[in-house]
Amino acid sequence: MKLLIAGVIIDPKWRGGEPLVAKLLARGLADRGIEVVTYGKERQSVLKPLNLLSHHDINPIIYKFYLKLLSVHKPDIVLGFYDYDCSLVFACLKLKIPIVVCVQIYWPVCPLLTLFVEKQGVCEGPSLTRCISHMLMSYTGLAKFNKLSKSMFTYLKFLSRLHILNKANAIVVPSYFVKKKLSSYGLRNIHVIWNSVDLNDIQYKEWSDDRKLILNPSGYIDERKGFPHFLIVAKTLGRRLRQVKFFAAGYKGDEYVEGLGYLNRSELIRLLEESYLVVIPSLWDEPFGLVVTEAMAAGRPVVAYKSGGIPEIVIDGVTGILVPRGDVKALISAVEYLIEHEEIARRMGREGRKRVEKYFSAEQMVRKYYDLLKDVLNGGA
């Protein structure tokens, strides 16, 4: 079997959990004897206006490029990740090459990818008025007429996205939560494969230190990731618990939180291994939460909001504590409880590592993708 794995997230400059999943898959599938070719590159800004040349959710120049790429490499099957639009899918359909689309974020049903609007919260789903309104809020630095024109055109092209994706041979999502949500908007043939971590990269070490480092590892300081809520936790508890230190990736720091700036993967893993517990206060519907699995793999209890796919990873009261989304008081109480109960925190850390080993290992994720790819090639799925 020859496999092409493609999407903009393959570009080395792309950050986040999706590139980690794609790279882990490429390596794991190659180890299983599949010939793997990868391609991904951020698009130059000069190419973006060319979207205007098609009423489909494709870029004509990129579409032609993919036709050539597929003709050169002649893959038996394609695994497509996020790529701005459906150019790759359209090219595979044209050449009758089977394609499995991997959806790690809400791009099939949201022009802004997240189904979340700052200061408004979780979006109810695509509609003309909602999408236009949210895009107008999002597009900064443009004149009012240009904002409206861009928003209208983006939405009109977006309308063809579900139709194109439903022609793919299969769609993979990282949680049952995402499957239910996307199915409600009309997406079909969805398969759930949980994301995973390479346990060789993350060492389990039971906490045994005088310091208690409380970490927010998301690397984003926006409302969507609930970072303002983490600051409230740090300020509230930091005033009276002097032995506790709060850290945040992607943050410049303040009186109560030590900012860590941008962390590469090895630096983030090291901090997870050194922390006492991890706080994930996501306010959007987190599609999965790869950093949650990484924290559990390091043996750290996780305190998080019941958001999106996170409850499929964290077992409340066993591997961490889940509290109602947006309930800052409950979040503070949960963090304080684990600070005061070290043995419970240690036990949760041990159980978290066991759960990752059982359900979220790279071997299991790779095997499930391998089986699905073979099934598609054999006419199934």
Protein backbone atom coordinates (compact mmCIF):
# COMPACT_ATOMS: atom_id res chain seq x y z
CA MET A 1 0.00 0.00 0.00
CA LYS A 2 1.23 3.49 -0.87
CA LEU A 3 -0.21 6.29 1.25
CA LEU A 4 -0.07 10.07 0.82
CA ILE A 5 -0.61 12.04 4.04
CA ALA A 6 -1.26 15.67 3.16
CA GLY A 7 -2.54 18.93 4.60
CA VAL A 8 -1.18 22.30 5.60
CA ILE A 9 -0.60 21.03 9.14
CA ILE A 10 2.29 18.90 7.82
CA ASP A 11 4.27 22.13 7.38
CA PRO A 12 6.99 22.21 10.10
CA LYS A 13 5.90 25.74 11.05
CA TRP A 14 2.35 24.63 11.97
CA ARG A 15 1.75 24.44 15.72
CA GLY A 16 -0.72 22.47 17.81
CA GLY A 17 -1.74 18.88 18.41
CA GLU A 18 -2.82 17.99 14.87
CA PRO A 19 0.72 17.99 13.41
CA LEU A 20 1.83 15.69 16.23
CA VAL A 21 -0.95 13.23 15.38
CA ALA A 22 -0.08 13.33 11.67
CA LYS A 23 3.63 12.76 12.27
CA LEU A 24 2.97 9.94 14.71
CA LEU A 25 0.72 8.29 12.13
CA ALA A 26 3.26 8.69 9.34
CA ARG A 27 5.96 7.04 11.41
CA GLY A 28 3.73 4.31 12.79
CA LEU A 29 2.18 3.37 9.45
CA ALA A 30 5.62 3.28 7.82
CA ASP A 31 6.73 0.88 10.56
CA ARG A 32 3.82 -1.37 9.52
CA GLY A 33 5.22 -1.64 6.01
CA ILE A 34 3.18 1.09 4.28
CA GLU A 35 5.01 3.32 1.83
CA VAL A 36 4.24 6.78 3.22
CA VAL A 37 4.65 10.10 1.41
CA THR A 38 3.86 13.36 3.21
CA TYR A 39 3.16 16.84 1.88
CA GLY A 40 2.11 20.03 3.59
CA LYS A 41 2.89 23.70 3.10
CA GLU A 42 1.40 26.96 4.30
CA ARG A 43 -0.10 28.84 1.39
CA GLN A 44 1.44 32.05 0.21
CA SER A 45 -0.83 35.06 0.67
CA VAL A 46 -0.69 35.71 -3.08
CA LEU A 47 -2.61 32.47 -3.67
CA LYS A 48 -5.51 33.23 -1.31
CA PRO A 49 -7.35 35.73 -3.58
CA LEU A 50 -7.52 32.96 -6.20
CA ASN A 51 -10.27 31.37 -4.11
CA LEU A 52 -12.51 33.85 -5.91
CA LEU A 53 -12.12 31.89 -9.15
CA SER A 54 -14.26 28.97 -8.00
CA HIS A 55 -17.69 28.70 -6.40
CA HIS A 56 -16.60 25.40 -4.82
CA ASP A 57 -14.67 25.18 -1.55
CA ILE A 58 -11.39 24.87 -3.43
CA ASN A 59 -8.50 27.01 -4.63
CA PRO A 60 -8.08 26.36 -8.40
CA ILE A 61 -4.28 26.71 -8.31
CA ILE A 62 -3.91 24.39 -5.33
CA TYR A 63 -6.41 21.97 -6.87
CA LYS A 64 -4.29 21.73 -10.03
CA PHE A 65 -1.18 21.29 -7.90
CA TYR A 66 -2.77 18.36 -6.06
CA LEU A 67 -3.79 16.77 -9.36
CA LYS A 68 -0.13 16.88 -10.39
CA LEU A 69 1.12 15.68 -7.00
CA LEU A 70 -1.26 12.72 -7.04
CA SER A 71 -0.32 11.87 -10.63
CA VAL A 72 3.38 11.88 -9.77
CA HIS A 73 3.21 9.82 -6.56
CA LYS A 74 0.28 7.60 -7.58
CA PRO A 75 -0.84 6.72 -4.03
CA ASP A 76 -3.28 3.89 -3.46
CA ILE A 77 -5.04 5.99 -0.83
CA VAL A 78 -4.82 9.46 0.73
CA LEU A 79 -5.16 10.62 4.34
CA GLY A 80 -6.06 14.31 4.31
CA PHE A 81 -5.70 16.66 7.29
CA TYR A 82 -6.77 20.30 7.63
CA ASP A 83 -5.83 22.18 4.46
CA TYR A 84 -7.83 25.47 4.41
CA ASP A 85 -10.42 24.01 2.02
CA CYS A 86 -11.40 20.86 0.08
CA SER A 87 -8.90 21.17 -2.80
CA LEU A 88 -7.22 17.87 -1.87
CA VAL A 89 -10.54 16.03 -1.55
CA PHE A 90 -11.75 17.42 -4.87
CA ALA A 91 -8.53 16.30 -6.61
CA CYS A 92 -8.87 12.77 -5.19
CA LEU A 93 -12.47 12.57 -6.36
CA LYS A 94 -11.42 13.71 -9.83
CA LEU A 95 -8.72 11.01 -10.09
CA LYS A 96 -10.83 8.38 -8.30
CA ILE A 97 -8.25 7.90 -5.55
CA PRO A 98 -9.75 6.83 -2.20
CA ILE A 99 -9.41 9.47 0.51
CA VAL A 100 -9.91 9.36 4.27
CA VAL A 101 -10.40 12.82 5.76
CA CYS A 102 -9.06 13.38 9.27
CA VAL A 103 -11.05 16.10 11.08
CA GLN A 104 -9.34 17.32 14.26
CA ILE A 105 -11.14 20.67 14.49
CA TYR A 106 -14.52 22.03 13.39
CA TRP A 107 -13.48 23.26 9.94
CA PRO A 108 -16.19 21.23 8.09
CA VAL A 109 -18.96 23.19 9.84
CA CYS A 110 -17.36 26.50 10.86
CA PRO A 111 -15.63 29.07 8.60
CA LEU A 112 -13.67 30.17 11.70
CA LEU A 113 -12.85 26.53 12.60
CA THR A 114 -13.79 26.58 16.29
CA LEU A 115 -17.58 26.92 16.73
CA PHE A 116 -16.69 29.49 19.37
CA VAL A 117 -16.96 33.27 19.45
CA GLU A 118 -15.01 35.42 21.88
CA LYS A 119 -17.29 37.09 24.46
CA GLN A 120 -20.24 35.04 23.18
CA GLY A 121 -19.20 31.46 23.85
CA VAL A 122 -20.00 28.25 21.99
CA CYS A 123 -21.71 28.75 18.62
CA GLU A 124 -24.93 26.89 17.85
CA GLY A 125 -23.73 25.98 14.38
CA PRO A 126 -23.55 27.35 10.85
CA SER A 127 -26.16 29.75 9.57
CA LEU A 128 -25.98 32.76 7.27
CA THR A 129 -26.62 35.38 9.94
CA ARG A 130 -24.43 33.80 12.61
CA CYS A 131 -21.48 33.08 10.33
CA ILE A 132 -21.50 36.52 8.71
CA SER A 133 -21.80 38.21 12.10
CA HIS A 134 -18.97 36.18 13.61
CA MET A 135 -16.67 36.69 10.62
CA LEU A 136 -17.27 40.45 10.70
CA MET A 137 -16.12 40.41 14.33
CA SER A 138 -13.10 38.29 13.50
CA TYR A 139 -11.73 40.05 10.41
CA THR A 140 -9.71 42.96 11.76
CA GLY A 141 -7.72 45.53 9.81
CA LEU A 142 -10.17 45.67 6.90
CA ALA A 143 -12.59 48.38 5.81
CA LYS A 144 -16.24 47.67 6.64
CA PHE A 145 -17.21 46.95 3.02
CA ASN A 146 -14.21 44.65 2.54
CA LYS A 147 -15.10 42.79 5.74
CA LEU A 148 -18.65 42.25 4.54
CA SER A 149 -17.56 41.17 1.04
CA LYS A 150 -14.99 38.71 2.41
CA SER A 151 -17.47 37.30 4.92
CA MET A 152 -20.22 36.81 2.34
CA PHE A 153 -17.93 35.15 -0.17
CA THR A 154 -16.32 32.91 2.45
CA TYR A 155 -19.74 31.73 3.59
CA LEU A 156 -20.99 31.05 0.04
CA LYS A 157 -17.93 28.89 -0.72
CA PHE A 158 -18.27 27.22 2.67
CA LEU A 159 -21.75 25.96 1.72
CA SER A 160 -20.23 23.34 -0.61
CA ARG A 161 -17.88 21.96 2.04
CA LEU A 162 -20.22 19.39 3.60
CA HIS A 163 -21.31 18.16 0.18
CA ILE A 164 -17.71 17.59 -0.92
CA LEU A 165 -16.63 15.94 2.33
CA ASN A 166 -19.57 13.54 2.24
CA LYS A 167 -18.10 12.15 -0.98
CA ALA A 168 -14.93 11.07 0.83
CA ASN A 169 -14.53 7.35 1.52
CA ALA A 170 -14.41 7.90 5.27
CA ILE A 171 -14.07 10.69 7.84
CA VAL A 172 -12.11 10.24 11.07
CA VAL A 173 -12.72 12.34 14.18
CA PRO A 174 -10.90 12.19 17.55
CA SER A 175 -13.89 11.81 19.88
CA TYR A 176 -17.48 10.60 20.07
CA PHE A 177 -18.43 14.14 21.02
CA VAL A 178 -17.18 15.46 17.67
CA LYS A 179 -18.90 12.62 15.80
CA LYS A 180 -22.25 13.48 17.39
CA LYS A 181 -21.83 17.19 16.67
CA LEU A 182 -20.74 16.79 13.04
CA SER A 183 -23.42 14.18 12.40
CA SER A 184 -26.04 16.64 13.58
CA TYR A 185 -24.91 19.03 10.82
CA GLY A 186 -25.19 16.37 8.10
CA LEU A 187 -21.71 14.82 7.90
CA ARG A 188 -21.79 11.06 7.26
CA ASN A 189 -19.58 7.96 7.42
CA ILE A 190 -17.73 9.18 10.52
CA HIS A 191 -15.30 6.94 12.39
CA VAL A 192 -13.95 7.71 15.87
CA ILE A 193 -10.26 7.09 16.54
CA TRP A 194 -8.92 8.68 19.72
CA ASN A 195 -5.67 10.59 19.40
CA SER A 196 -2.67 9.25 21.23
CA VAL A 197 0.82 9.93 22.50
CA ASP A 198 4.11 8.12 22.10
CA LEU A 199 4.72 6.82 25.59
CA ASN A 200 8.44 6.61 24.83
CA ASP A 201 8.49 10.42 24.69
CA ILE A 202 6.89 10.97 28.10
CA GLN A 203 8.40 9.52 31.25
CA TYR A 204 6.10 8.63 34.12
CA LYS A 205 7.48 9.94 37.40
CA GLU A 206 5.43 10.08 40.59
CA TRP A 207 5.49 13.52 42.16
CA SER A 208 7.81 13.81 45.17
CA ASP A 209 8.90 17.38 45.65
CA ASP A 210 8.55 20.20 48.15
CA ARG A 211 7.34 22.49 45.36
CA LYS A 212 3.90 22.23 43.81
CA LEU A 213 3.89 23.52 40.26
CA ILE A 214 0.40 24.08 38.82
CA LEU A 215 0.60 24.22 35.04
CA ASN A 216 -1.61 25.53 32.27
CA PRO A 217 0.08 24.01 29.19
CA SER A 218 -2.23 25.08 26.36
CA GLY A 219 0.03 27.82 24.98
CA TYR A 220 -2.96 30.04 24.18
CA ILE A 221 -4.08 32.93 26.38
CA ASP A 222 -7.46 33.52 24.74
CA GLU A 223 -10.96 33.05 26.10
CA ARG A 224 -11.55 29.91 24.04
CA LYS A 225 -8.95 28.02 26.08
CA GLY A 226 -10.28 29.54 29.31
CA PHE A 227 -7.00 31.23 30.16
CA PRO A 228 -8.67 34.14 32.04
CA HIS A 229 -10.19 31.52 34.35
CA PHE A 230 -6.75 30.04 35.04
CA LEU A 231 -5.55 33.53 36.01
CA ILE A 232 -8.41 33.79 38.51
CA VAL A 233 -7.44 30.42 40.00
CA ALA A 234 -3.81 31.51 40.29
CA LYS A 235 -4.66 34.87 41.82
CA THR A 236 -7.14 33.40 44.31
CA LEU A 237 -4.95 30.55 45.53
CA GLY A 238 -1.58 32.22 45.03
CA ARG A 239 -2.38 34.87 47.63
CA ARG A 240 -2.59 32.36 50.46
CA LEU A 241 -0.71 29.26 49.28
CA ARG A 242 2.84 30.51 49.02
CA GLN A 243 4.34 27.06 48.50
CA VAL A 244 2.36 26.71 45.26
CA LYS A 245 3.63 28.17 41.99
CA PHE A 246 1.50 28.70 38.88
CA PHE A 247 2.98 28.43 35.39
CA ALA A 248 1.50 29.06 31.95
CA ALA A 249 2.86 28.30 28.51
CA GLY A 250 2.52 31.09 25.95
CA TYR A 251 2.13 33.78 28.61
CA LYS A 252 4.38 36.71 29.50
CA GLY A 253 3.72 36.36 33.24
CA ASP A 254 2.41 38.50 36.10
CA GLU A 255 2.47 38.68 39.90
CA TYR A 256 0.84 35.28 40.36
CA VAL A 257 1.70 33.34 37.18
CA GLU A 258 5.16 32.71 35.81
CA GLY A 259 5.00 33.09 32.06
CA LEU A 260 6.90 30.55 30.01
CA GLY A 261 6.51 31.98 26.53
CA TYR A 262 6.52 29.62 23.58
CA LEU A 263 7.67 26.10 24.47
CA ASN A 264 8.86 23.49 22.04
CA ARG A 265 7.59 19.99 22.56
CA SER A 266 10.52 18.70 24.61
CA GLU A 267 10.31 21.72 26.93
CA LEU A 268 6.56 21.21 27.39
CA ILE A 269 6.99 17.51 28.18
CA ARG A 270 9.69 18.31 30.73
CA LEU A 271 7.37 20.77 32.48
CA LEU A 272 4.53 18.25 32.53
CA GLU A 273 6.89 15.76 34.15
CA GLU A 274 7.91 18.33 36.78
CA SER A 275 4.44 19.67 37.57
CA TYR A 276 2.15 18.71 40.45
CA LEU A 277 -1.11 18.98 38.55
CA VAL A 278 -2.40 20.38 35.25
CA VAL A 279 -5.35 22.72 34.74
CA ILE A 280 -7.30 22.72 31.43
CA PRO A 281 -10.20 25.21 31.70
CA SER A 282 -11.34 25.07 28.05
CA LEU A 283 -14.51 27.06 27.37
CA TRP A 284 -15.00 25.86 23.80
CA ASP A 285 -16.02 22.32 22.90
CA GLU A 286 -12.52 20.83 22.95
CA PRO A 287 -12.52 18.26 20.10
CA PHE A 288 -10.16 16.02 22.04
CA GLY A 289 -7.41 17.60 24.12
CA LEU A 290 -4.06 16.02 23.28
CA VAL A 291 -2.27 17.87 26.08
CA VAL A 292 -4.68 16.23 28.54
CA THR A 293 -3.40 12.81 27.45
CA GLU A 294 0.19 14.05 27.64
CA ALA A 295 -0.35 15.25 31.21
CA MET A 296 -1.88 11.92 32.22
CA ALA A 297 0.97 10.04 30.52
CA ALA A 298 3.37 12.00 32.74
CA GLY A 299 1.38 10.86 35.78
CA ARG A 300 -0.24 14.20 36.54
CA PRO A 301 -3.85 14.61 37.68
CA VAL A 302 -5.90 16.90 35.45
CA VAL A 303 -8.44 19.47 36.63
CA ALA A 304 -10.62 20.51 33.70
CA TYR A 305 -13.99 21.78 32.60
CA LYS A 306 -16.43 19.22 31.22
CA SER A 307 -15.82 20.44 27.71
CA GLY A 308 -16.22 18.60 24.40
CA GLY A 309 -14.21 15.40 24.24
CA ILE A 310 -12.28 15.89 27.51
CA PRO A 311 -14.66 13.65 29.53
CA GLU A 312 -13.72 10.80 27.18
CA ILE A 313 -10.13 11.14 28.41
CA VAL A 314 -10.37 12.18 32.07
CA ILE A 315 -12.36 9.94 34.40
CA ASP A 316 -13.80 12.24 37.05
CA GLY A 317 -12.56 11.31 40.50
CA VAL A 318 -10.17 8.69 39.10
CA THR A 319 -7.61 10.41 36.84
CA GLY A 320 -8.56 13.98 37.71
CA ILE A 321 -11.48 16.22 38.53
CA LEU A 322 -14.03 17.55 36.03
CA VAL A 323 -16.20 20.55 36.90
CA PRO A 324 -19.04 22.26 35.03
CA ARG A 325 -17.78 24.45 32.21
CA GLY A 326 -17.40 28.06 33.27
CA ASP A 327 -17.79 27.39 37.01
CA VAL A 328 -14.65 29.17 38.25
CA LYS A 329 -15.48 28.59 41.92
CA ALA A 330 -15.70 24.83 41.34
CA LEU A 331 -12.44 24.99 39.38
CA ILE A 332 -10.69 26.76 42.28
CA SER A 333 -12.10 24.27 44.79
CA ALA A 334 -10.93 21.28 42.72
CA VAL A 335 -7.40 22.65 42.37
CA GLU A 336 -7.22 23.49 46.07
CA TYR A 337 -8.53 20.05 47.04
CA LEU A 338 -5.76 18.28 45.14
CA ILE A 339 -3.14 20.68 46.48
CA GLU A 340 -4.18 19.72 50.00
CA HIS A 341 -4.54 15.98 49.32
CA GLU A 342 -1.21 14.82 47.97
CA GLU A 343 -1.87 11.09 48.16
CA ILE A 344 -5.09 11.45 46.15
CA ALA A 345 -3.21 13.51 43.56
CA ARG A 346 -0.53 10.83 43.33
CA ARG A 347 -3.13 8.09 42.96
CA MET A 348 -4.90 10.01 40.20
CA GLY A 349 -1.57 10.43 38.45
CA ARG A 350 -0.92 6.68 38.57
CA GLU A 351 -4.41 5.92 37.25
CA GLY A 352 -3.98 8.50 34.51
CA ARG A 353 -0.81 6.83 33.24
CA LYS A 354 -2.56 3.43 33.27
CA ARG A 355 -5.50 4.85 31.29
CA VAL A 356 -3.21 6.33 28.64
CA GLU A 357 -1.35 3.03 28.33
CA LYS A 358 -4.64 1.18 27.91
CA TYR A 359 -6.53 3.50 25.55
CA PHE A 360 -4.30 6.24 24.14
CA SER A 361 -1.03 4.62 23.10
CA ALA A 362 0.40 5.35 19.66
CA GLU A 363 0.29 1.65 18.78
CA GLN A 364 -3.47 1.51 19.23
CA MET A 365 -4.13 4.66 17.20
CA VAL A 366 -1.88 3.51 14.35
CA ARG A 367 -3.49 0.06 14.29
CA LYS A 368 -6.99 1.54 14.02
CA TYR A 369 -5.97 3.85 11.17
CA TYR A 370 -4.22 0.95 9.46
CA ASP A 371 -7.32 -1.22 9.69
CA LEU A 372 -9.53 1.59 8.38
CA LEU A 373 -7.24 2.31 5.42
CA LYS A 374 -7.20 -1.36 4.49
CA ASP A 375 -10.97 -1.54 4.86
CA VAL A 376 -11.43 1.43 2.51
CA LEU A 377 -9.12 -0.10 -0.08
CA ASN A 378 -11.09 -3.34 0.12
CA GLY A 379 -14.30 -1.47 -0.62
CA GLY A 380 -15.54 -1.28 2.98
CA ALA A 381 -15.93 1.54 5.53
